[in-house]
């Protein structure tokens, strides 16, 4: 694009040398896998919960065209049976084999109920793991529901984004904050990385990034049309400046360039409520950068990711 569209949202907020506290929250009480004082990595499982499996009601009478809801003469499976997706639950048999009409299970699971013309299939429960999202120290655990992690680093609040969250090692395929990230910029070896573009990202680059299993993308701006993509990109995208075509600010670009090769965490989540958290980028300090400093200043709350975790930041003074 040759022209530019001014950002629709306030300029990026940068908090360098900051104490960042992340509260990771389960949707219901579960199992906490870490202890207070423990050091955790961004990809580490810190809690888990057992989620009930999907439940599907299958209208056998309608599918088979039964005149009466009498199921005894058509059921192939019995209550309590385990079934596979696509496996026959019931069948209406005609005189000629080609006229046999099956009713198949839409999911894998257990047949838990047989009613008047319908059956219920319940998928097996599954374990959902909660990841730390950032590397840091566990400083609090509450009610088998939440784990608070503290890290020291730079917190960049973006303006808009799509997707959920990711952590990975930062890579800089572009050298100019006004450059559009293209498919040609995404080379072999960028899998599992967070990529930094310049002004924006091309549709072809999104396809290439998906193929390369990139974990996330940071750019200056994004097109509103990205929200209508089907399927949506399988990774988060964070825009630091706004919508349209806006080059990334040189200050943000320089911060990210200095962090190349190191771990970052990003969230593209945008809540609908006014108080919902904006997208964000967290760059933890490396061990060599943590020496010195007075970390006793006041904490002001800043929510970072709605429903996933809350973050508050504290400026570090020298």
C-alpha atoms as a PDB file:
ATOM      1  CA  UNK A   1       0.000   0.000   0.000  1.00  0.00           C
ATOM      2  CA  UNK A   2       1.321   3.457  -0.892  1.00  0.00           C
ATOM      3  CA  UNK A   3      -0.797   5.640   1.365  1.00  0.00           C
ATOM      4  CA  UNK A   4      -1.309   5.425   5.084  1.00  0.00           C
ATOM      5  CA  UNK A   5      -4.218   5.504   7.481  1.00  0.00           C
ATOM      6  CA  UNK A   6      -3.749   7.204  10.829  1.00  0.00           C
ATOM      7  CA  UNK A   7      -4.044   4.970  13.888  1.00  0.00           C
ATOM      8  CA  UNK A   8      -7.567   4.721  15.297  1.00  0.00           C
ATOM      9  CA  UNK A   9      -6.351   4.077  18.834  1.00  0.00           C
ATOM     10  CA  UNK A  10      -3.926   5.826  21.232  1.00  0.00           C
ATOM     11  CA  UNK A  11      -0.200   5.497  20.652  1.00  0.00           C
ATOM     12  CA  UNK A  12       1.595   2.462  22.035  1.00  0.00           C
ATOM     13  CA  UNK A  13       2.413   2.555  25.753  1.00  0.00           C
ATOM     14  CA  UNK A  14       5.845   1.242  26.748  1.00  0.00           C
ATOM     15  CA  UNK A  15       6.867   0.347  30.299  1.00  0.00           C
ATOM     16  CA  UNK A  16      10.594  -0.501  30.331  1.00  0.00           C
ATOM     17  CA  UNK A  17      12.299  -2.024  33.380  1.00  0.00           C
ATOM     18  CA  UNK A  18       9.002  -3.095  34.897  1.00  0.00           C
ATOM     19  CA  UNK A  19       7.828  -5.583  37.480  1.00  0.00           C
ATOM     20  CA  UNK A  20       5.003  -7.499  35.767  1.00  0.00           C
ATOM     21  CA  UNK A  21       2.615  -9.698  37.704  1.00  0.00           C
ATOM     22  CA  UNK A  22       0.462 -12.148  35.775  1.00  0.00           C
ATOM     23  CA  UNK A  23      -2.506 -13.907  37.360  1.00  0.00           C
ATOM     24  CA  UNK A  24      -3.348 -17.078  35.442  1.00  0.00           C
ATOM     25  CA  UNK A  25      -6.888 -18.237  36.178  1.00  0.00           C
ATOM     26  CA  UNK A  26      -8.649 -21.567  35.681  1.00  0.00           C
ATOM     27  CA  UNK A  27     -12.390 -21.449  34.808  1.00  0.00           C
ATOM     28  CA  UNK A  28     -13.103 -23.718  37.803  1.00  0.00           C
ATOM     29  CA  UNK A  29     -11.098 -25.193  40.709  1.00  0.00           C
ATOM     30  CA  UNK A  30      -8.485 -27.631  39.453  1.00  0.00           C
ATOM     31  CA  UNK A  31      -5.039 -29.032  40.165  1.00  0.00           C
ATOM     32  CA  UNK A  32      -2.159 -26.613  40.757  1.00  0.00           C
ATOM     33  CA  UNK A  33       1.137 -28.042  39.499  1.00  0.00           C
ATOM     34  CA  UNK A  34       3.598 -25.482  40.900  1.00  0.00           C
ATOM     35  CA  UNK A  35       4.615 -24.093  44.294  1.00  0.00           C
ATOM     36  CA  UNK A  36       5.095 -20.557  45.596  1.00  0.00           C
ATOM     37  CA  UNK A  37       8.679 -19.460  45.005  1.00  0.00           C
ATOM     38  CA  UNK A  38       9.170 -21.794  42.046  1.00  0.00           C
ATOM     39  CA  UNK A  39      10.731 -20.495  38.829  1.00  0.00           C
ATOM     40  CA  UNK A  40       8.636 -21.382  35.770  1.00  0.00           C
ATOM     41  CA  UNK A  41       9.099 -21.193  32.013  1.00  0.00           C
ATOM     42  CA  UNK A  42       6.587 -19.647  29.631  1.00  0.00           C
ATOM     43  CA  UNK A  43       5.643 -23.033  28.132  1.00  0.00           C
ATOM     44  CA  UNK A  44       5.432 -24.807  31.499  1.00  0.00           C
ATOM     45  CA  UNK A  45       2.144 -26.342  32.648  1.00  0.00           C
ATOM     46  CA  UNK A  46       1.209 -24.683  35.917  1.00  0.00           C
ATOM     47  CA  UNK A  47      -2.349 -25.945  36.467  1.00  0.00           C
ATOM     48  CA  UNK A  48      -4.895 -28.259  34.908  1.00  0.00           C
ATOM     49  CA  UNK A  49      -8.586 -28.965  34.982  1.00  0.00           C
ATOM     50  CA  UNK A  50     -10.688 -31.884  33.777  1.00  0.00           C
ATOM     51  CA  UNK A  51     -13.311 -30.639  31.339  1.00  0.00           C
ATOM     52  CA  UNK A  52     -16.472 -32.570  30.658  1.00  0.00           C
ATOM     53  CA  UNK A  53     -16.700 -33.915  27.137  1.00  0.00           C
ATOM     54  CA  UNK A  54     -19.011 -32.630  24.433  1.00  0.00           C
ATOM     55  CA  UNK A  55     -22.622 -33.863  24.553  1.00  0.00           C
ATOM     56  CA  UNK A  56     -24.590 -34.440  21.346  1.00  0.00           C
ATOM     57  CA  UNK A  57     -28.253 -35.359  20.981  1.00  0.00           C
ATOM     58  CA  UNK A  58     -28.920 -37.335  17.792  1.00  0.00           C
ATOM     59  CA  UNK A  59     -32.452 -37.278  16.368  1.00  0.00           C
ATOM     60  CA  UNK A  60     -32.531 -40.876  15.160  1.00  0.00           C
ATOM     61  CA  UNK A  61     -36.253 -40.813  14.243  1.00  0.00           C
ATOM     62  CA  UNK A  62     -35.812 -37.855  11.905  1.00  0.00           C
ATOM     63  CA  UNK A  63     -32.621 -39.177  10.292  1.00  0.00           C
ATOM     64  CA  UNK A  64     -34.148 -42.593   9.618  1.00  0.00           C
ATOM     65  CA  UNK A  65     -37.629 -41.256   8.836  1.00  0.00           C
ATOM     66  CA  UNK A  66     -39.353 -43.357  11.488  1.00  0.00           C
ATOM     67  CA  UNK A  67     -43.129 -43.225  11.723  1.00  0.00           C
ATOM     68  CA  UNK A  68     -43.019 -44.068  15.433  1.00  0.00           C
ATOM     69  CA  UNK A  69     -40.343 -43.374  18.056  1.00  0.00           C
ATOM     70  CA  UNK A  70     -39.913 -47.112  18.713  1.00  0.00           C
ATOM     71  CA  UNK A  71     -36.136 -47.514  18.885  1.00  0.00           C
ATOM     72  CA  UNK A  72     -35.919 -51.204  19.712  1.00  0.00           C
ATOM     73  CA  UNK A  73     -36.165 -52.316  16.101  1.00  0.00           C
ATOM     74  CA  UNK A  74     -33.510 -49.946  14.716  1.00  0.00           C
ATOM     75  CA  UNK A  75     -30.812 -49.608  17.394  1.00  0.00           C
ATOM     76  CA  UNK A  76     -27.470 -51.230  16.604  1.00  0.00           C
ATOM     77  CA  UNK A  77     -25.712 -49.926  19.716  1.00  0.00           C
ATOM     78  CA  UNK A  78     -26.858 -50.247  23.316  1.00  0.00           C
ATOM     79  CA  UNK A  79     -26.766 -47.795  26.187  1.00  0.00           C
ATOM     80  CA  UNK A  80     -23.255 -47.662  27.656  1.00  0.00           C
ATOM     81  CA  UNK A  81     -21.526 -48.700  24.418  1.00  0.00           C
ATOM     82  CA  UNK A  82     -18.430 -46.840  23.269  1.00  0.00           C
ATOM     83  CA  UNK A  83     -18.764 -45.564  19.702  1.00  0.00           C
ATOM     84  CA  UNK A  84     -16.425 -44.013  17.168  1.00  0.00           C
ATOM     85  CA  UNK A  85     -17.159 -40.964  15.058  1.00  0.00           C
ATOM     86  CA  UNK A  86     -19.040 -42.147  11.977  1.00  0.00           C
ATOM     87  CA  UNK A  87     -19.964 -45.505  13.519  1.00  0.00           C
ATOM     88  CA  UNK A  88     -23.535 -46.731  12.996  1.00  0.00           C
ATOM     89  CA  UNK A  89     -25.820 -46.148  15.972  1.00  0.00           C
ATOM     90  CA  UNK A  90     -29.056 -47.286  14.390  1.00  0.00           C
ATOM     91  CA  UNK A  91     -30.201 -48.488  10.980  1.00  0.00           C
ATOM     92  CA  UNK A  92     -33.425 -48.874   9.099  1.00  0.00           C
ATOM     93  CA  UNK A  93     -33.181 -52.004   6.989  1.00  0.00           C
ATOM     94  CA  UNK A  94     -35.007 -52.464   3.730  1.00  0.00           C
ATOM     95  CA  UNK A  95     -35.623 -55.601   1.738  1.00  0.00           C
ATOM     96  CA  UNK A  96     -32.798 -54.671  -0.634  1.00  0.00           C
ATOM     97  CA  UNK A  97     -29.419 -54.059   1.060  1.00  0.00           C
ATOM     98  CA  UNK A  98     -28.895 -50.815  -0.897  1.00  0.00           C
ATOM     99  CA  UNK A  99     -31.987 -49.440   0.788  1.00  0.00           C
ATOM    100  CA  UNK A 100     -30.445 -49.780   4.278  1.00  0.00           C
ATOM    101  CA  UNK A 101     -30.262 -46.334   5.881  1.00  0.00           C
ATOM    102  CA  UNK A 102     -27.821 -45.842   8.796  1.00  0.00           C
ATOM    103  CA  UNK A 103     -27.748 -43.217  11.527  1.00  0.00           C
ATOM    104  CA  UNK A 104     -24.114 -42.549  12.438  1.00  0.00           C
ATOM    105  CA  UNK A 105     -22.501 -41.036  15.519  1.00  0.00           C
ATOM    106  CA  UNK A 106     -21.286 -37.458  14.928  1.00  0.00           C
ATOM    107  CA  UNK A 107     -18.552 -37.797  17.583  1.00  0.00           C
ATOM    108  CA  UNK A 108     -16.548 -40.428  19.417  1.00  0.00           C
ATOM    109  CA  UNK A 109     -17.784 -41.163  22.927  1.00  0.00           C
ATOM    110  CA  UNK A 110     -20.227 -43.206  24.966  1.00  0.00           C
ATOM    111  CA  UNK A 111     -23.919 -43.755  24.253  1.00  0.00           C
ATOM    112  CA  UNK A 112     -25.355 -42.504  27.551  1.00  0.00           C
ATOM    113  CA  UNK A 113     -29.101 -42.441  26.877  1.00  0.00           C
ATOM    114  CA  UNK A 114     -31.736 -43.765  24.482  1.00  0.00           C
ATOM    115  CA  UNK A 115     -35.053 -41.926  24.398  1.00  0.00           C
ATOM    116  CA  UNK A 116     -38.187 -41.836  22.259  1.00  0.00           C
ATOM    117  CA  UNK A 117     -36.630 -41.266  18.871  1.00  0.00           C
ATOM    118  CA  UNK A 118     -33.280 -39.879  20.060  1.00  0.00           C
ATOM    119  CA  UNK A 119     -29.984 -40.880  21.640  1.00  0.00           C
ATOM    120  CA  UNK A 120     -27.314 -38.992  23.595  1.00  0.00           C
ATOM    121  CA  UNK A 121     -23.577 -39.348  22.879  1.00  0.00           C
ATOM    122  CA  UNK A 122     -21.098 -37.952  25.410  1.00  0.00           C
ATOM    123  CA  UNK A 123     -17.455 -37.532  24.483  1.00  0.00           C
ATOM    124  CA  UNK A 124     -14.813 -38.524  27.012  1.00  0.00           C
ATOM    125  CA  UNK A 125     -13.676 -35.873  29.472  1.00  0.00           C
ATOM    126  CA  UNK A 126     -10.382 -34.228  28.636  1.00  0.00           C
ATOM    127  CA  UNK A 127      -7.597 -32.581  30.567  1.00  0.00           C
ATOM    128  CA  UNK A 128      -7.012 -28.890  29.854  1.00  0.00           C
ATOM    129  CA  UNK A 129      -3.595 -27.536  30.843  1.00  0.00           C
ATOM    130  CA  UNK A 130      -2.912 -23.920  31.792  1.00  0.00           C
ATOM    131  CA  UNK A 131       0.516 -22.648  30.730  1.00  0.00           C
ATOM    132  CA  UNK A 132       2.542 -20.014  32.566  1.00  0.00           C
ATOM    133  CA  UNK A 133       2.625 -17.717  29.480  1.00  0.00           C
ATOM    134  CA  UNK A 134       5.668 -15.844  30.856  1.00  0.00           C
ATOM    135  CA  UNK A 135       8.895 -16.982  32.478  1.00  0.00           C
ATOM    136  CA  UNK A 136       9.159 -15.847  36.071  1.00  0.00           C
ATOM    137  CA  UNK A 137       8.574 -16.687  39.727  1.00  0.00           C
ATOM    138  CA  UNK A 138       5.353 -18.006  41.245  1.00  0.00           C
ATOM    139  CA  UNK A 139       4.493 -15.513  43.985  1.00  0.00           C
ATOM    140  CA  UNK A 140       0.923 -16.549  44.911  1.00  0.00           C
ATOM    141  CA  UNK A 141      -1.573 -19.405  44.552  1.00  0.00           C
ATOM    142  CA  UNK A 142      -5.265 -18.922  45.340  1.00  0.00           C
ATOM    143  CA  UNK A 143      -8.126 -21.401  45.914  1.00  0.00           C
ATOM    144  CA  UNK A 144      -6.969 -23.987  43.351  1.00  0.00           C
ATOM    145  CA  UNK A 145      -8.068 -21.444  40.757  1.00  0.00           C
ATOM    146  CA  UNK A 146      -5.206 -19.069  40.074  1.00  0.00           C
ATOM    147  CA  UNK A 147      -1.435 -18.768  39.966  1.00  0.00           C
ATOM    148  CA  UNK A 148       0.293 -15.377  40.050  1.00  0.00           C
ATOM    149  CA  UNK A 149       3.663 -15.121  38.301  1.00  0.00           C
ATOM    150  CA  UNK A 150       6.060 -12.216  38.557  1.00  0.00           C
ATOM    151  CA  UNK A 151       8.647 -11.353  35.953  1.00  0.00           C
ATOM    152  CA  UNK A 152      10.922  -8.372  35.327  1.00  0.00           C
ATOM    153  CA  UNK A 153      10.927  -6.921  31.866  1.00  0.00           C
ATOM    154  CA  UNK A 154       9.445  -4.575  29.291  1.00  0.00           C
ATOM    155  CA  UNK A 155       5.691  -4.340  28.869  1.00  0.00           C
ATOM    156  CA  UNK A 156       4.419  -2.922  25.551  1.00  0.00           C
ATOM    157  CA  UNK A 157       0.666  -2.331  25.356  1.00  0.00           C
ATOM    158  CA  UNK A 158      -0.478  -2.592  21.740  1.00  0.00           C
ATOM    159  CA  UNK A 159      -3.502  -1.012  20.106  1.00  0.00           C
ATOM    160  CA  UNK A 160      -5.247  -3.928  18.400  1.00  0.00           C
ATOM    161  CA  UNK A 161      -4.767  -7.581  17.553  1.00  0.00           C
ATOM    162  CA  UNK A 162      -6.350 -10.914  16.781  1.00  0.00           C
ATOM    163  CA  UNK A 163      -5.981 -14.388  18.248  1.00  0.00           C
ATOM    164  CA  UNK A 164      -5.197 -15.461  21.771  1.00  0.00           C
ATOM    165  CA  UNK A 165      -1.683 -15.749  23.218  1.00  0.00           C
ATOM    166  CA  UNK A 166       1.717 -17.281  22.524  1.00  0.00           C
ATOM    167  CA  UNK A 167       5.303 -17.337  23.733  1.00  0.00           C
ATOM    168  CA  UNK A 168       8.427 -17.961  21.671  1.00  0.00           C
ATOM    169  CA  UNK A 169      11.820 -16.654  20.642  1.00  0.00           C
ATOM    170  CA  UNK A 170      11.769 -13.343  18.793  1.00  0.00           C
ATOM    171  CA  UNK A 171      13.010 -13.174  15.190  1.00  0.00           C
ATOM    172  CA  UNK A 172      13.392 -10.042  13.015  1.00  0.00           C
ATOM    173  CA  UNK A 173      12.860 -10.936   9.328  1.00  0.00           C
ATOM    174  CA  UNK A 174      12.716  -7.228   8.377  1.00  0.00           C
ATOM    175  CA  UNK A 175      15.165  -4.366   8.897  1.00  0.00           C
ATOM    176  CA  UNK A 176      12.804  -1.422   8.409  1.00  0.00           C
ATOM    177  CA  UNK A 177       9.775  -0.478  10.582  1.00  0.00           C
ATOM    178  CA  UNK A 178       7.943   0.614   7.402  1.00  0.00           C
ATOM    179  CA  UNK A 179       8.473  -2.734   5.656  1.00  0.00           C
ATOM    180  CA  UNK A 180       5.497  -5.025   4.955  1.00  0.00           C
ATOM    181  CA  UNK A 181       6.144  -8.595   6.109  1.00  0.00           C
ATOM    182  CA  UNK A 182       5.904 -10.810   3.008  1.00  0.00           C
ATOM    183  CA  UNK A 183       6.025 -14.540   2.377  1.00  0.00           C
ATOM    184  CA  UNK A 184       9.587 -14.188   1.053  1.00  0.00           C
ATOM    185  CA  UNK A 185      10.696 -12.795   4.426  1.00  0.00           C
ATOM    186  CA  UNK A 186       9.667 -15.953   6.290  1.00  0.00           C
ATOM    187  CA  UNK A 187      12.523 -18.407   5.966  1.00  0.00           C
ATOM    188  CA  UNK A 188      13.144 -21.951   7.119  1.00  0.00           C
ATOM    189  CA  UNK A 189      13.992 -21.991  10.797  1.00  0.00           C
ATOM    190  CA  UNK A 190      11.264 -19.557  11.842  1.00  0.00           C
ATOM    191  CA  UNK A 191       9.010 -22.313  13.158  1.00  0.00           C
ATOM    192  CA  UNK A 192       7.925 -21.752  16.776  1.00  0.00           C
ATOM    193  CA  UNK A 193       9.156 -18.146  16.594  1.00  0.00           C
ATOM    194  CA  UNK A 194       7.472 -14.787  17.205  1.00  0.00           C
ATOM    195  CA  UNK A 195       8.150 -12.722  14.077  1.00  0.00           C
ATOM    196  CA  UNK A 196       8.445  -8.939  13.888  1.00  0.00           C
ATOM    197  CA  UNK A 197       7.230  -7.241  10.734  1.00  0.00           C
ATOM    198  CA  UNK A 198       7.275  -3.539   9.973  1.00  0.00           C
ATOM    199  CA  UNK A 199       4.152  -1.667   8.974  1.00  0.00           C
ATOM    200  CA  UNK A 200       1.882  -4.657   8.320  1.00  0.00           C
ATOM    201  CA  UNK A 201       1.688  -8.252   7.063  1.00  0.00           C
ATOM    202  CA  UNK A 202       0.553  -9.543   3.666  1.00  0.00           C
ATOM    203  CA  UNK A 203      -2.063 -12.321   3.220  1.00  0.00           C
ATOM    204  CA  UNK A 204       0.595 -14.472   1.553  1.00  0.00           C
ATOM    205  CA  UNK A 205       2.847 -14.034   4.577  1.00  0.00           C
ATOM    206  CA  UNK A 206       0.056 -15.270   6.854  1.00  0.00           C
ATOM    207  CA  UNK A 207      -0.264 -18.423   4.738  1.00  0.00           C
ATOM    208  CA  UNK A 208       3.490 -18.947   4.792  1.00  0.00           C
ATOM    209  CA  UNK A 209       3.631 -18.344   8.549  1.00  0.00           C
ATOM    210  CA  UNK A 210       0.903 -20.924   9.080  1.00  0.00           C
ATOM    211  CA  UNK A 211       2.821 -23.480   7.027  1.00  0.00           C
ATOM    212  CA  UNK A 212       6.008 -22.732   8.963  1.00  0.00           C
ATOM    213  CA  UNK A 213       4.179 -23.094  12.315  1.00  0.00           C
ATOM    214  CA  UNK A 214       5.077 -19.588  13.419  1.00  0.00           C
ATOM    215  CA  UNK A 215       3.763 -18.860  16.923  1.00  0.00           C
ATOM    216  CA  UNK A 216       2.912 -15.189  16.504  1.00  0.00           C
ATOM    217  CA  UNK A 217       3.487 -11.952  14.599  1.00  0.00           C
ATOM    218  CA  UNK A 218       4.075  -8.370  15.770  1.00  0.00           C
ATOM    219  CA  UNK A 219       3.522  -5.520  13.280  1.00  0.00           C
ATOM    220  CA  UNK A 220       2.760  -1.819  13.311  1.00  0.00           C
ATOM    221  CA  UNK A 221      -0.765  -2.155  11.945  1.00  0.00           C
ATOM    222  CA  UNK A 222      -3.267  -4.667  10.614  1.00  0.00           C
ATOM    223  CA  UNK A 223      -6.104  -4.566   8.126  1.00  0.00           C
ATOM    224  CA  UNK A 224      -9.590  -4.849   9.634  1.00  0.00           C
ATOM    225  CA  UNK A 225     -10.258  -7.549   7.026  1.00  0.00           C
ATOM    226  CA  UNK A 226      -8.091  -9.951   9.066  1.00  0.00           C
ATOM    227  CA  UNK A 227     -10.964 -10.286  11.525  1.00  0.00           C
ATOM    228  CA  UNK A 228     -13.091 -11.842   8.752  1.00  0.00           C
ATOM    229  CA  UNK A 229     -10.556 -14.458   7.623  1.00  0.00           C
ATOM    230  CA  UNK A 230     -11.915 -18.026   7.576  1.00  0.00           C
ATOM    231  CA  UNK A 231     -10.174 -19.895   8.973  1.00  0.00           C
ATOM    232  CA  UNK A 232      -8.507 -17.337  11.218  1.00  0.00           C
ATOM    233  CA  UNK A 233      -4.706 -17.457  11.553  1.00  0.00           C
ATOM    234  CA  UNK A 234      -3.751 -20.124  14.142  1.00  0.00           C
ATOM    235  CA  UNK A 235      -1.494 -17.661  15.978  1.00  0.00           C
ATOM    236  CA  UNK A 236      -1.927 -14.225  17.584  1.00  0.00           C
ATOM    237  CA  UNK A 237      -1.090 -11.005  15.760  1.00  0.00           C
ATOM    238  CA  UNK A 238      -0.362  -7.824  17.724  1.00  0.00           C
ATOM    239  CA  UNK A 239      -0.398  -4.371  16.114  1.00  0.00           C
ATOM    240  CA  UNK A 240       1.493  -1.707  18.042  1.00  0.00           C
ATOM    241  CA  UNK A 241       0.115   1.364  16.225  1.00  0.00           C
ATOM    242  CA  UNK A 242      -3.385   0.749  14.840  1.00  0.00           C
ATOM    243  CA  UNK A 243      -5.411  -0.317  11.812  1.00  0.00           C
ATOM    244  CA  UNK A 244      -4.611   0.156   8.129  1.00  0.00           C
ATOM    245  CA  UNK A 245      -1.044   0.833   7.039  1.00  0.00           C
ATOM    246  CA  UNK A 246       1.006   2.465   9.803  1.00  0.00           C
ATOM    247  CA  UNK A 247       4.746   1.850  10.201  1.00  0.00           C
ATOM    248  CA  UNK A 248       5.840   0.542  13.575  1.00  0.00           C
ATOM    249  CA  UNK A 249       7.258   3.291  15.756  1.00  0.00           C
ATOM    250  CA  UNK A 250      11.047   3.402  15.683  1.00  0.00           C
ATOM    251  CA  UNK A 251      11.143   3.185  19.483  1.00  0.00           C
ATOM    252  CA  UNK A 252       9.167  -0.070  19.580  1.00  0.00           C
ATOM    253  CA  UNK A 253      11.099  -1.459  16.602  1.00  0.00           C
ATOM    254  CA  UNK A 254      14.433  -0.765  18.332  1.00  0.00           C
ATOM    255  CA  UNK A 255      13.246  -2.410  21.577  1.00  0.00           C
ATOM    256  CA  UNK A 256      12.188  -5.521  19.680  1.00  0.00           C
ATOM    257  CA  UNK A 257      15.418  -5.576  17.679  1.00  0.00           C
ATOM    258  CA  UNK A 258      17.424  -5.575  20.898  1.00  0.00           C
ATOM    259  CA  UNK A 259      15.357  -8.523  22.114  1.00  0.00           C
ATOM    260  CA  UNK A 260      15.928 -10.625  18.979  1.00  0.00           C
ATOM    261  CA  UNK A 261      16.767 -14.206  19.834  1.00  0.00           C
ATOM    262  CA  UNK A 262      15.211 -13.963  23.277  1.00  0.00           C
ATOM    263  CA  UNK A 263      11.883 -15.165  24.614  1.00  0.00           C
ATOM    264  CA  UNK A 264       8.810 -12.920  24.427  1.00  0.00           C
ATOM    265  CA  UNK A 265       5.134 -13.422  25.214  1.00  0.00           C
ATOM    266  CA  UNK A 266       2.328 -11.798  23.220  1.00  0.00           C
ATOM    267  CA  UNK A 267      -1.454 -11.620  23.336  1.00  0.00           C
ATOM    268  CA  UNK A 268      -3.684 -10.561  20.454  1.00  0.00           C
ATOM    269  CA  UNK A 269      -6.833 -10.874  22.521  1.00  0.00           C
ATOM    270  CA  UNK A 270      -9.288  -7.984  22.294  1.00  0.00           C
ATOM    271  CA  UNK A 271     -12.248  -8.038  24.683  1.00  0.00           C
ATOM    272  CA  UNK A 272     -15.538  -6.415  23.777  1.00  0.00           C
ATOM    273  CA  UNK A 273     -16.121  -4.645  27.088  1.00  0.00           C
ATOM    274  CA  UNK A 274     -14.619  -1.228  27.698  1.00  0.00           C
ATOM    275  CA  UNK A 275     -12.541  -2.507  30.625  1.00  0.00           C
ATOM    276  CA  UNK A 276     -11.184  -5.476  28.679  1.00  0.00           C
ATOM    277  CA  UNK A 277      -7.455  -5.770  28.261  1.00  0.00           C
ATOM    278  CA  UNK A 278      -5.706  -4.550  25.106  1.00  0.00           C
ATOM    279  CA  UNK A 279      -3.225  -6.703  23.204  1.00  0.00           C
ATOM    280  CA  UNK A 280       0.261  -6.718  24.655  1.00  0.00           C
ATOM    281  CA  UNK A 281       3.892  -7.785  24.456  1.00  0.00           C
ATOM    282  CA  UNK A 282       6.048  -8.861  27.408  1.00  0.00           C
ATOM    283  CA  UNK A 283       9.839  -9.084  27.071  1.00  0.00           C
ATOM    284  CA  UNK A 284      11.348 -10.591  30.251  1.00  0.00           C
ATOM    285  CA  UNK A 285      14.728  -9.244  31.309  1.00  0.00           C
ATOM    286  CA  UNK A 286      17.647 -11.591  30.804  1.00  0.00           C
ATOM    287  CA  UNK A 287      19.554 -12.691  33.897  1.00  0.00           C
ATOM    288  CA  UNK A 288      22.447 -10.369  33.016  1.00  0.00           C
ATOM    289  CA  UNK A 289      20.052  -7.390  33.032  1.00  0.00           C
ATOM    290  CA  UNK A 290      18.497  -7.994  36.470  1.00  0.00           C
ATOM    291  CA  UNK A 291      21.343  -6.841  38.643  1.00  0.00           C
ATOM    292  CA  UNK A 292      20.831  -3.723  40.719  1.00  0.00           C
ATOM    293  CA  UNK A 293      17.717  -1.576  40.881  1.00  0.00           C
ATOM    294  CA  UNK A 294      15.187  -0.742  43.569  1.00  0.00           C
ATOM    295  CA  UNK A 295      12.030  -2.768  43.026  1.00  0.00           C
ATOM    296  CA  UNK A 296       9.952  -1.291  45.849  1.00  0.00           C
ATOM    297  CA  UNK A 297       7.831   1.281  44.011  1.00  0.00           C
ATOM    298  CA  UNK A 298       4.039   1.180  44.087  1.00  0.00           C
ATOM    299  CA  UNK A 299       2.057  -1.178  41.873  1.00  0.00           C
ATOM    300  CA  UNK A 300      -0.626   0.225  39.574  1.00  0.00           C
ATOM    301  CA  UNK A 301      -3.064  -2.304  38.092  1.00  0.00           C
ATOM    302  CA  UNK A 302      -3.075  -2.886  34.349  1.00  0.00           C
ATOM    303  CA  UNK A 303      -5.182  -5.765  33.045  1.00  0.00           C
ATOM    304  CA  UNK A 304      -3.428  -7.456  30.140  1.00  0.00           C
ATOM    305  CA  UNK A 305      -5.502 -10.438  28.974  1.00  0.00           C
ATOM    306  CA  UNK A 306      -9.209 -10.762  29.683  1.00  0.00           C
ATOM    307  CA  UNK A 307     -10.306 -14.066  31.286  1.00  0.00           C
ATOM    308  CA  UNK A 308      -6.874 -15.615  30.762  1.00  0.00           C
ATOM    309  CA  UNK A 309      -4.745 -13.661  33.147  1.00  0.00           C
ATOM    310  CA  UNK A 310      -4.450 -10.277  34.741  1.00  0.00           C
ATOM    311  CA  UNK A 311      -1.242  -8.297  34.781  1.00  0.00           C
ATOM    312  CA  UNK A 312      -0.081  -5.380  36.806  1.00  0.00           C
ATOM    313  CA  UNK A 313       3.158  -3.520  36.257  1.00  0.00           C
ATOM    314  CA  UNK A 314       5.569  -1.749  38.560  1.00  0.00           C
ATOM    315  CA  UNK A 315       8.299   0.556  37.264  1.00  0.00           C
ATOM    316  CA  UNK A 316      11.777  -0.369  38.465  1.00  0.00           C
ATOM    317  CA  UNK A 317      13.994   2.489  39.569  1.00  0.00           C
ATOM    318  CA  UNK A 318      17.779   2.457  39.586  1.00  0.00           C
END
